[in-house]
């Protein structure tokens, strides 16, 4: 499995990755897509740019999408950092 080094991330990709890491829950190690978008929109990014960038980070294997199911049965999409080998 090949991953892209952090140094090759664009400024926007790095900003989105940082938001996902900063907002990650200690219990799931994941941040909800809603929380990430809200945080970045408050910082001035466009909703479409955020969504496209999250997709890029998933395809680059920097983040993974995970389904979080609450005890009540409600679920949402979250993003978690992919563990790097070694």
Protein backbone atom coordinates (compact mmCIF):
# COMPACT_ATOMS: atom_id res chain seq x y z
CA UNK A 1 0.00 0.00 0.00
CA UNK A 2 1.42 3.37 -1.03
CA UNK A 3 0.63 6.58 0.83
CA UNK A 4 1.40 10.16 -0.10
CA UNK A 5 3.89 11.90 2.20
CA UNK A 6 2.51 14.81 4.25
CA UNK A 7 4.91 17.18 2.49
CA UNK A 8 3.02 16.76 -0.80
CA UNK A 9 -0.32 17.95 0.58
CA UNK A 10 -1.66 21.27 -0.67
CA UNK A 11 -2.39 24.01 1.86
CA UNK A 12 -6.13 23.29 1.72
CA UNK A 13 -5.59 19.54 2.09
CA UNK A 14 -3.38 20.18 5.12
CA UNK A 15 -6.00 22.53 6.60
CA UNK A 16 -8.76 19.92 6.18
CA UNK A 17 -6.55 17.14 7.59
CA UNK A 18 -5.64 19.30 10.60
CA UNK A 19 -9.33 20.05 11.26
CA UNK A 20 -10.18 16.33 11.13
CA UNK A 21 -7.39 15.53 13.60
CA UNK A 22 -8.24 18.44 15.90
CA UNK A 23 -11.96 17.55 16.05
CA UNK A 24 -11.47 13.79 16.47
CA UNK A 25 -13.29 12.22 19.39
CA UNK A 26 -11.00 10.54 21.93
CA UNK A 27 -13.27 7.47 22.00
CA UNK A 28 -13.60 6.87 18.23
CA UNK A 29 -10.52 8.76 16.99
CA UNK A 30 -12.85 10.12 14.29
CA UNK A 31 -14.45 13.49 13.57
CA UNK A 32 -17.93 13.81 12.11
CA UNK A 33 -18.11 15.17 8.58
CA UNK A 34 -20.59 17.78 9.82
CA UNK A 35 -18.22 19.06 12.51
CA UNK A 36 -15.33 19.22 10.03
CA UNK A 37 -17.41 21.14 7.47
CA UNK A 38 -18.81 23.53 10.09
CA UNK A 39 -15.33 24.27 11.48
CA UNK A 40 -13.84 24.90 8.04
CA UNK A 41 -16.79 26.96 6.80
CA UNK A 42 -16.34 29.19 9.85
CA UNK A 43 -12.70 29.54 8.74
CA UNK A 44 -13.89 30.73 5.31
CA UNK A 45 -13.74 27.61 3.13
CA UNK A 46 -16.47 26.75 0.65
CA UNK A 47 -18.62 23.67 1.40
CA UNK A 48 -17.88 22.12 -2.00
CA UNK A 49 -14.11 22.62 -1.61
CA UNK A 50 -14.27 20.94 1.80
CA UNK A 51 -16.20 17.94 0.43
CA UNK A 52 -13.87 17.52 -2.55
CA UNK A 53 -10.81 17.82 -0.33
CA UNK A 54 -12.12 15.23 2.14
CA UNK A 55 -12.59 12.89 -0.84
CA UNK A 56 -9.05 13.59 -2.02
CA UNK A 57 -7.64 12.80 1.41
CA UNK A 58 -9.58 9.52 1.47
CA UNK A 59 -8.31 8.57 -1.98
CA UNK A 60 -4.75 9.51 -0.91
CA UNK A 61 -5.22 7.20 2.10
CA UNK A 62 -4.64 9.98 4.62
CA UNK A 63 -8.19 9.69 6.03
CA UNK A 64 -10.73 6.90 6.02
CA UNK A 65 -14.50 7.19 6.10
CA UNK A 66 -16.12 5.36 8.98
CA UNK A 67 -19.74 4.84 9.94
CA UNK A 68 -20.38 5.73 13.58
CA UNK A 69 -23.55 4.30 15.10
CA UNK A 70 -24.88 5.93 18.24
CA UNK A 71 -26.48 3.82 21.01
CA UNK A 72 -29.85 5.21 19.88
CA UNK A 73 -29.36 3.68 16.42
CA UNK A 74 -28.64 6.97 14.66
CA UNK A 75 -25.52 6.93 12.51
CA UNK A 76 -23.27 9.39 10.72
CA UNK A 77 -20.18 9.49 8.52
CA UNK A 78 -16.94 10.39 10.22
CA UNK A 79 -13.34 10.65 9.15
CA UNK A 80 -10.39 9.07 10.92
CA UNK A 81 -6.68 9.30 10.21
CA UNK A 82 -5.26 6.24 8.51
CA UNK A 83 -2.54 4.57 10.58
CA UNK A 84 0.76 4.73 8.77
CA UNK A 85 2.78 1.51 8.62
CA UNK A 86 5.84 1.06 10.80
